[in-house]
Amino acid sequence: MPFVRIDVIRGRRPDEIRAIADAAHRALVDVLEIPERDRFQVITEHDADHIIALDAGLGFERSDNLVMLQIFTQGGRTTEVKQRVFDAIAKQLEPLGITGADVFISFMENGPQDWSFGYGRAQYVEGDLAVPGR
């Protein structure tokens, strides 16, 4: 059920963008143990001057290979699980030539009442879907 926004700098080939999306999804399936078809992603390309991502004082440099991910999911996952997700995504992106310095990830949590998967209905609230972790 995670909804993932992936932001990259314009210029990658379509197969490279798909590989980034696939890598992020593989990490979520492996760590969060979500179903393979539980996949909701939006990939947005930006001009290089439309993404500003410094290092928060950590002393590393980012390149045009930057990948920024926002993972929207229901609350309740532990810090340890989130750290495993961060690590798994970075490791999945590395074979694509994306270094750890170019991977920025943020979790955004909410509740079952905040989701509609279609038809203007709240499937978790109405009982059509089991609430994860309950």
N, C-alpha and C. Protein backbone atom coordinates (compact mmCIF):
# COMPACT_ATOMS: atom_id res chain seq x y z
N MET A 1 0.79 -1.19 0.00
CA MET A 1 0.00 0.00 0.00
C MET A 1 0.84 1.26 0.00
N PRO A 2 2.12 1.20 0.19
CA PRO A 2 2.84 2.47 0.11
C PRO A 2 2.63 3.15 -1.24
N PHE A 3 2.50 4.46 -1.18
CA PHE A 3 2.45 5.29 -2.38
C PHE A 3 3.79 5.99 -2.44
N VAL A 4 4.52 5.82 -3.53
CA VAL A 4 5.88 6.32 -3.62
C VAL A 4 5.99 7.36 -4.72
N ARG A 5 6.49 8.51 -4.35
CA ARG A 5 6.81 9.56 -5.33
C ARG A 5 8.32 9.52 -5.54
N ILE A 6 8.72 9.48 -6.77
CA ILE A 6 10.14 9.42 -7.12
C ILE A 6 10.45 10.63 -7.99
N ASP A 7 11.38 11.44 -7.54
CA ASP A 7 11.77 12.63 -8.29
C ASP A 7 13.21 12.47 -8.74
N VAL A 8 13.44 12.73 -10.03
CA VAL A 8 14.78 12.62 -10.62
C VAL A 8 15.04 13.82 -11.52
N ILE A 9 16.29 14.02 -11.83
CA ILE A 9 16.67 15.07 -12.77
C ILE A 9 16.47 14.56 -14.19
N ARG A 10 15.87 15.36 -15.00
CA ARG A 10 15.54 15.01 -16.39
C ARG A 10 16.80 14.56 -17.16
N GLY A 11 16.60 13.59 -18.02
CA GLY A 11 17.69 13.16 -18.89
C GLY A 11 17.92 11.66 -18.91
N ARG A 12 17.26 10.94 -18.03
CA ARG A 12 17.40 9.48 -18.02
C ARG A 12 16.52 8.87 -19.11
N ARG A 13 16.96 7.73 -19.61
CA ARG A 13 16.17 6.98 -20.58
C ARG A 13 14.97 6.34 -19.86
N PRO A 14 13.90 6.04 -20.59
CA PRO A 14 12.73 5.40 -19.97
C PRO A 14 13.08 4.09 -19.25
N ASP A 15 13.98 3.29 -19.80
CA ASP A 15 14.35 2.04 -19.13
C ASP A 15 15.11 2.29 -17.84
N GLU A 16 15.86 3.38 -17.75
CA GLU A 16 16.56 3.73 -16.51
C GLU A 16 15.55 4.16 -15.44
N ILE A 17 14.57 4.94 -15.85
CA ILE A 17 13.54 5.38 -14.90
C ILE A 17 12.76 4.17 -14.38
N ARG A 18 12.41 3.26 -15.28
CA ARG A 18 11.68 2.06 -14.85
C ARG A 18 12.54 1.22 -13.90
N ALA A 19 13.85 1.15 -14.16
CA ALA A 19 14.74 0.38 -13.28
C ALA A 19 14.79 0.99 -11.88
N ILE A 20 14.77 2.31 -11.79
CA ILE A 20 14.75 2.99 -10.49
C ILE A 20 13.45 2.65 -9.76
N ALA A 21 12.32 2.74 -10.46
CA ALA A 21 11.03 2.42 -9.86
C ALA A 21 10.98 0.96 -9.42
N ASP A 22 11.49 0.06 -10.26
CA ASP A 22 11.51 -1.36 -9.93
C ASP A 22 12.38 -1.63 -8.70
N ALA A 23 13.52 -0.96 -8.62
CA ALA A 23 14.43 -1.15 -7.49
C ALA A 23 13.77 -0.70 -6.19
N ALA A 24 13.11 0.45 -6.21
CA ALA A 24 12.42 0.93 -5.01
C ALA A 24 11.32 -0.05 -4.61
N HIS A 25 10.58 -0.54 -5.58
CA HIS A 25 9.50 -1.47 -5.26
C HIS A 25 10.04 -2.79 -4.70
N ARG A 26 11.10 -3.31 -5.28
CA ARG A 26 11.71 -4.55 -4.78
C ARG A 26 12.09 -4.40 -3.31
N ALA A 27 12.68 -3.27 -2.96
CA ALA A 27 13.08 -3.04 -1.57
C ALA A 27 11.86 -3.03 -0.64
N LEU A 28 10.77 -2.40 -1.06
CA LEU A 28 9.57 -2.35 -0.22
C LEU A 28 8.94 -3.74 -0.09
N VAL A 29 8.92 -4.50 -1.17
CA VAL A 29 8.37 -5.86 -1.11
C VAL A 29 9.21 -6.71 -0.16
N ASP A 30 10.53 -6.60 -0.27
CA ASP A 30 11.43 -7.40 0.57
C ASP A 30 11.34 -7.03 2.04
N VAL A 31 11.38 -5.75 2.34
CA VAL A 31 11.45 -5.32 3.74
C VAL A 31 10.06 -5.24 4.39
N LEU A 32 9.11 -4.63 3.71
CA LEU A 32 7.78 -4.45 4.30
C LEU A 32 6.87 -5.65 4.07
N GLU A 33 7.33 -6.57 3.23
CA GLU A 33 6.57 -7.79 2.92
C GLU A 33 5.18 -7.47 2.37
N ILE A 34 5.13 -6.46 1.49
CA ILE A 34 3.88 -6.12 0.83
C ILE A 34 3.71 -7.02 -0.39
N PRO A 35 2.48 -7.19 -0.88
CA PRO A 35 2.29 -7.98 -2.09
C PRO A 35 2.95 -7.31 -3.30
N GLU A 36 3.39 -8.11 -4.23
CA GLU A 36 4.06 -7.61 -5.45
C GLU A 36 3.18 -6.60 -6.20
N ARG A 37 1.88 -6.85 -6.25
CA ARG A 37 0.99 -5.96 -7.01
C ARG A 37 0.50 -4.77 -6.18
N ASP A 38 1.00 -4.63 -4.99
CA ASP A 38 0.68 -3.49 -4.14
C ASP A 38 1.66 -2.38 -4.52
N ARG A 39 1.47 -1.83 -5.69
CA ARG A 39 2.46 -0.90 -6.26
C ARG A 39 1.78 0.36 -6.76
N PHE A 40 2.16 1.48 -6.14
CA PHE A 40 1.63 2.79 -6.51
C PHE A 40 2.80 3.75 -6.53
N GLN A 41 3.20 4.18 -7.72
CA GLN A 41 4.37 5.04 -7.86
C GLN A 41 4.08 6.15 -8.87
N VAL A 42 4.62 7.31 -8.60
CA VAL A 42 4.59 8.43 -9.54
C VAL A 42 6.03 8.90 -9.69
N ILE A 43 6.50 8.93 -10.93
CA ILE A 43 7.87 9.36 -11.21
C ILE A 43 7.80 10.70 -11.92
N THR A 44 8.52 11.67 -11.39
CA THR A 44 8.52 13.01 -11.97
C THR A 44 9.95 13.40 -12.30
N GLU A 45 10.14 13.89 -13.53
CA GLU A 45 11.45 14.40 -13.94
C GLU A 45 11.44 15.92 -13.83
N HIS A 46 12.58 16.44 -13.39
CA HIS A 46 12.73 17.89 -13.21
C HIS A 46 13.98 18.38 -13.92
N ASP A 47 13.96 19.62 -14.36
CA ASP A 47 15.20 20.24 -14.84
C ASP A 47 16.17 20.30 -13.66
N ALA A 48 17.45 20.26 -13.96
CA ALA A 48 18.47 20.21 -12.91
C ALA A 48 18.37 21.37 -11.93
N ASP A 49 17.97 22.53 -12.41
CA ASP A 49 17.88 23.68 -11.50
C ASP A 49 16.54 23.74 -10.74
N HIS A 50 15.71 22.70 -10.89
CA HIS A 50 14.44 22.65 -10.18
C HIS A 50 14.46 21.67 -9.00
N ILE A 51 15.62 21.08 -8.74
CA ILE A 51 15.80 20.26 -7.55
C ILE A 51 17.00 20.82 -6.79
N ILE A 52 16.78 21.15 -5.56
CA ILE A 52 17.86 21.60 -4.69
C ILE A 52 17.94 20.61 -3.54
N ALA A 53 19.05 19.91 -3.43
CA ALA A 53 19.21 18.90 -2.39
C ALA A 53 20.65 18.94 -1.91
N LEU A 54 20.88 19.74 -0.89
CA LEU A 54 22.22 19.83 -0.33
C LEU A 54 22.43 18.66 0.63
N ASP A 55 23.43 18.72 1.46
CA ASP A 55 23.79 17.55 2.27
C ASP A 55 23.43 17.67 3.75
N ALA A 56 22.69 18.68 4.15
CA ALA A 56 22.30 18.89 5.55
C ALA A 56 23.50 18.95 6.48
N GLY A 57 24.67 19.34 5.95
CA GLY A 57 25.86 19.45 6.78
C GLY A 57 26.62 18.15 6.96
N LEU A 58 26.32 17.14 6.15
CA LEU A 58 26.97 15.83 6.31
C LEU A 58 28.28 15.71 5.53
N GLY A 59 28.57 16.67 4.68
CA GLY A 59 29.87 16.70 4.01
C GLY A 59 29.99 15.86 2.75
N PHE A 60 28.90 15.56 2.09
CA PHE A 60 29.03 14.85 0.82
C PHE A 60 28.38 15.66 -0.29
N GLU A 61 28.76 15.30 -1.50
CA GLU A 61 28.26 16.00 -2.69
C GLU A 61 27.27 15.12 -3.43
N ARG A 62 26.25 15.73 -3.96
CA ARG A 62 25.28 15.02 -4.78
C ARG A 62 25.57 15.30 -6.25
N SER A 63 25.10 14.41 -7.11
CA SER A 63 25.31 14.57 -8.55
C SER A 63 23.96 14.66 -9.26
N ASP A 64 24.00 14.69 -10.57
CA ASP A 64 22.77 14.69 -11.35
C ASP A 64 22.09 13.31 -11.35
N ASN A 65 22.67 12.33 -10.68
CA ASN A 65 22.04 11.02 -10.51
C ASN A 65 21.09 10.99 -9.32
N LEU A 66 20.88 12.12 -8.70
CA LEU A 66 20.04 12.23 -7.51
C LEU A 66 18.68 11.57 -7.72
N VAL A 67 18.26 10.79 -6.72
CA VAL A 67 16.93 10.19 -6.69
C VAL A 67 16.32 10.54 -5.33
N MET A 68 15.18 11.22 -5.36
CA MET A 68 14.49 11.59 -4.12
C MET A 68 13.20 10.78 -4.07
N LEU A 69 12.98 10.10 -2.95
CA LEU A 69 11.79 9.27 -2.79
C LEU A 69 11.00 9.72 -1.57
N GLN A 70 9.70 9.84 -1.73
CA GLN A 70 8.78 10.07 -0.62
C GLN A 70 7.91 8.84 -0.54
N ILE A 71 7.91 8.19 0.61
CA ILE A 71 7.12 6.98 0.81
C ILE A 71 5.96 7.32 1.73
N PHE A 72 4.76 7.33 1.18
CA PHE A 72 3.55 7.60 1.95
C PHE A 72 2.97 6.25 2.37
N THR A 73 2.79 6.04 3.66
CA THR A 73 2.31 4.76 4.16
C THR A 73 1.60 4.95 5.49
N GLN A 74 0.89 3.93 5.90
CA GLN A 74 0.20 4.01 7.19
C GLN A 74 1.21 3.96 8.33
N GLY A 75 0.90 4.67 9.39
CA GLY A 75 1.77 4.73 10.54
C GLY A 75 1.90 3.38 11.23
N GLY A 76 2.93 3.26 12.03
CA GLY A 76 3.10 2.08 12.85
C GLY A 76 4.38 1.30 12.61
N ARG A 77 5.13 1.65 11.58
CA ARG A 77 6.37 0.93 11.33
C ARG A 77 7.46 1.47 12.27
N THR A 78 8.28 0.58 12.75
CA THR A 78 9.32 0.96 13.70
C THR A 78 10.46 1.71 13.01
N THR A 79 11.24 2.39 13.81
CA THR A 79 12.44 3.06 13.30
C THR A 79 13.36 2.05 12.63
N GLU A 80 13.49 0.88 13.24
CA GLU A 80 14.38 -0.16 12.68
C GLU A 80 13.90 -0.60 11.30
N VAL A 81 12.61 -0.77 11.12
CA VAL A 81 12.07 -1.17 9.82
C VAL A 81 12.32 -0.07 8.80
N LYS A 82 12.11 1.17 9.19
CA LYS A 82 12.37 2.29 8.26
C LYS A 82 13.84 2.33 7.87
N GLN A 83 14.73 2.11 8.82
CA GLN A 83 16.16 2.09 8.50
C GLN A 83 16.48 0.96 7.53
N ARG A 84 15.83 -0.19 7.70
CA ARG A 84 16.03 -1.30 6.76
C ARG A 84 15.54 -0.93 5.37
N VAL A 85 14.44 -0.20 5.28
CA VAL A 85 13.93 0.26 3.98
C VAL A 85 14.94 1.20 3.33
N PHE A 86 15.44 2.17 4.11
CA PHE A 86 16.44 3.11 3.57
C PHE A 86 17.62 2.35 2.98
N ASP A 87 18.15 1.40 3.77
CA ASP A 87 19.31 0.62 3.35
C ASP A 87 18.99 -0.22 2.12
N ALA A 88 17.84 -0.87 2.11
CA ALA A 88 17.49 -1.74 0.99
C ALA A 88 17.33 -0.94 -0.31
N ILE A 89 16.71 0.23 -0.23
CA ILE A 89 16.55 1.05 -1.44
C ILE A 89 17.92 1.48 -1.95
N ALA A 90 18.78 1.96 -1.07
CA ALA A 90 20.12 2.38 -1.49
C ALA A 90 20.87 1.22 -2.15
N LYS A 91 20.77 0.04 -1.57
CA LYS A 91 21.47 -1.12 -2.13
C LYS A 91 20.87 -1.54 -3.47
N GLN A 92 19.57 -1.41 -3.64
CA GLN A 92 18.93 -1.75 -4.91
C GLN A 92 19.30 -0.75 -6.01
N LEU A 93 19.53 0.52 -5.63
CA LEU A 93 19.87 1.55 -6.62
C LEU A 93 21.35 1.53 -7.01
N GLU A 94 22.19 1.02 -6.14
CA GLU A 94 23.64 1.03 -6.39
C GLU A 94 24.03 0.37 -7.71
N PRO A 95 23.50 -0.81 -8.06
CA PRO A 95 23.87 -1.42 -9.35
C PRO A 95 23.45 -0.58 -10.56
N LEU A 96 22.56 0.38 -10.35
CA LEU A 96 22.13 1.27 -11.44
C LEU A 96 23.05 2.48 -11.58
N GLY A 97 24.14 2.50 -10.80
CA GLY A 97 25.08 3.61 -10.85
C GLY A 97 24.69 4.78 -9.98
N ILE A 98 23.78 4.57 -9.06
CA ILE A 98 23.33 5.63 -8.16
C ILE A 98 23.98 5.41 -6.81
N THR A 99 24.88 6.31 -6.43
CA THR A 99 25.61 6.15 -5.17
C THR A 99 24.73 6.54 -3.98
N GLY A 100 25.15 6.12 -2.82
CA GLY A 100 24.40 6.43 -1.60
C GLY A 100 24.21 7.92 -1.37
N ALA A 101 25.17 8.72 -1.78
CA ALA A 101 25.05 10.18 -1.61
C ALA A 101 23.92 10.76 -2.45
N ASP A 102 23.51 10.03 -3.47
CA ASP A 102 22.46 10.51 -4.37
C ASP A 102 21.08 9.91 -4.07
N VAL A 103 20.93 9.31 -2.90
CA VAL A 103 19.65 8.71 -2.52
C VAL A 103 19.10 9.46 -1.30
N PHE A 104 17.97 10.11 -1.50
CA PHE A 104 17.30 10.88 -0.44
C PHE A 104 15.92 10.28 -0.26
N ILE A 105 15.57 9.86 0.96
CA ILE A 105 14.30 9.16 1.21
C ILE A 105 13.60 9.79 2.41
N SER A 106 12.29 9.92 2.30
CA SER A 106 11.49 10.42 3.41
C SER A 106 10.24 9.57 3.56
N PHE A 107 9.91 9.20 4.80
CA PHE A 107 8.65 8.51 5.10
C PHE A 107 7.61 9.54 5.51
N MET A 108 6.40 9.39 5.02
CA MET A 108 5.27 10.22 5.41
C MET A 108 4.18 9.25 5.85
N GLU A 109 3.75 9.35 7.12
CA GLU A 109 2.78 8.40 7.63
C GLU A 109 1.40 9.03 7.83
N ASN A 110 0.38 8.18 7.70
CA ASN A 110 -0.99 8.60 7.95
C ASN A 110 -1.79 7.38 8.42
N GLY A 111 -3.11 7.44 8.37
CA GLY A 111 -3.94 6.35 8.88
C GLY A 111 -4.83 5.75 7.82
N PRO A 112 -5.55 4.67 8.15
CA PRO A 112 -6.40 3.98 7.18
C PRO A 112 -7.51 4.87 6.63
N GLN A 113 -7.94 5.85 7.39
CA GLN A 113 -9.00 6.76 6.94
C GLN A 113 -8.51 7.71 5.84
N ASP A 114 -7.22 7.74 5.58
CA ASP A 114 -6.63 8.68 4.62
C ASP A 114 -6.46 8.10 3.22
N TRP A 115 -7.02 6.91 2.96
CA TRP A 115 -6.78 6.24 1.67
C TRP A 115 -8.09 5.90 0.96
N SER A 116 -8.11 6.17 -0.33
CA SER A 116 -9.16 5.68 -1.22
C SER A 116 -8.45 5.10 -2.44
N PHE A 117 -8.73 3.84 -2.75
CA PHE A 117 -8.08 3.18 -3.88
C PHE A 117 -8.92 3.25 -5.15
N GLY A 118 -10.09 3.85 -5.06
CA GLY A 118 -10.94 4.00 -6.24
C GLY A 118 -12.40 4.12 -5.85
N TYR A 119 -13.18 4.60 -6.78
CA TYR A 119 -14.62 4.73 -6.63
C TYR A 119 -15.04 5.69 -5.52
N GLY A 120 -14.14 6.52 -5.05
CA GLY A 120 -14.48 7.49 -4.02
C GLY A 120 -14.83 6.86 -2.69
N ARG A 121 -14.29 5.67 -2.45
CA ARG A 121 -14.60 4.94 -1.22
C ARG A 121 -13.33 4.78 -0.39
N ALA A 122 -13.51 4.68 0.91
CA ALA A 122 -12.40 4.46 1.85
C ALA A 122 -12.36 2.96 2.16
N GLN A 123 -11.66 2.19 1.34
CA GLN A 123 -11.71 0.73 1.42
C GLN A 123 -11.24 0.16 2.75
N TYR A 124 -10.26 0.79 3.39
CA TYR A 124 -9.84 0.31 4.71
C TYR A 124 -10.94 0.53 5.74
N VAL A 125 -11.52 1.71 5.73
CA VAL A 125 -12.55 2.06 6.70
C VAL A 125 -13.80 1.20 6.49
N GLU A 126 -14.15 0.95 5.22
CA GLU A 126 -15.36 0.20 4.91
C GLU A 126 -15.16 -1.31 5.01
N GLY A 127 -13.93 -1.75 5.26
CA GLY A 127 -13.67 -3.17 5.47
C GLY A 127 -13.37 -3.98 4.23
N ASP A 128 -13.25 -3.32 3.07
CA ASP A 128 -12.91 -4.05 1.83
C ASP A 128 -11.46 -4.51 1.83
N LEU A 129 -10.61 -3.80 2.55
CA LEU A 129 -9.19 -4.15 2.67
C LEU A 129 -8.84 -4.26 4.15
N ALA A 130 -8.00 -5.23 4.46
CA ALA A 130 -7.51 -5.35 5.84
C ALA A 130 -6.49 -4.26 6.10
N VAL A 131 -6.59 -3.63 7.25
CA VAL A 131 -5.64 -2.59 7.63
C VAL A 131 -4.30 -3.27 7.96
N PRO A 132 -3.22 -2.89 7.29
CA PRO A 132 -1.93 -3.52 7.55
C PRO A 132 -1.55 -3.41 9.04
N GLY A 133 -1.03 -4.48 9.58
CA GLY A 133 -0.56 -4.49 10.95
C GLY A 133 -1.64 -4.68 11.99
N ARG A 134 -2.87 -4.93 11.55
CA ARG A 134 -3.97 -5.14 12.52
C ARG A 134 -4.53 -6.52 12.40
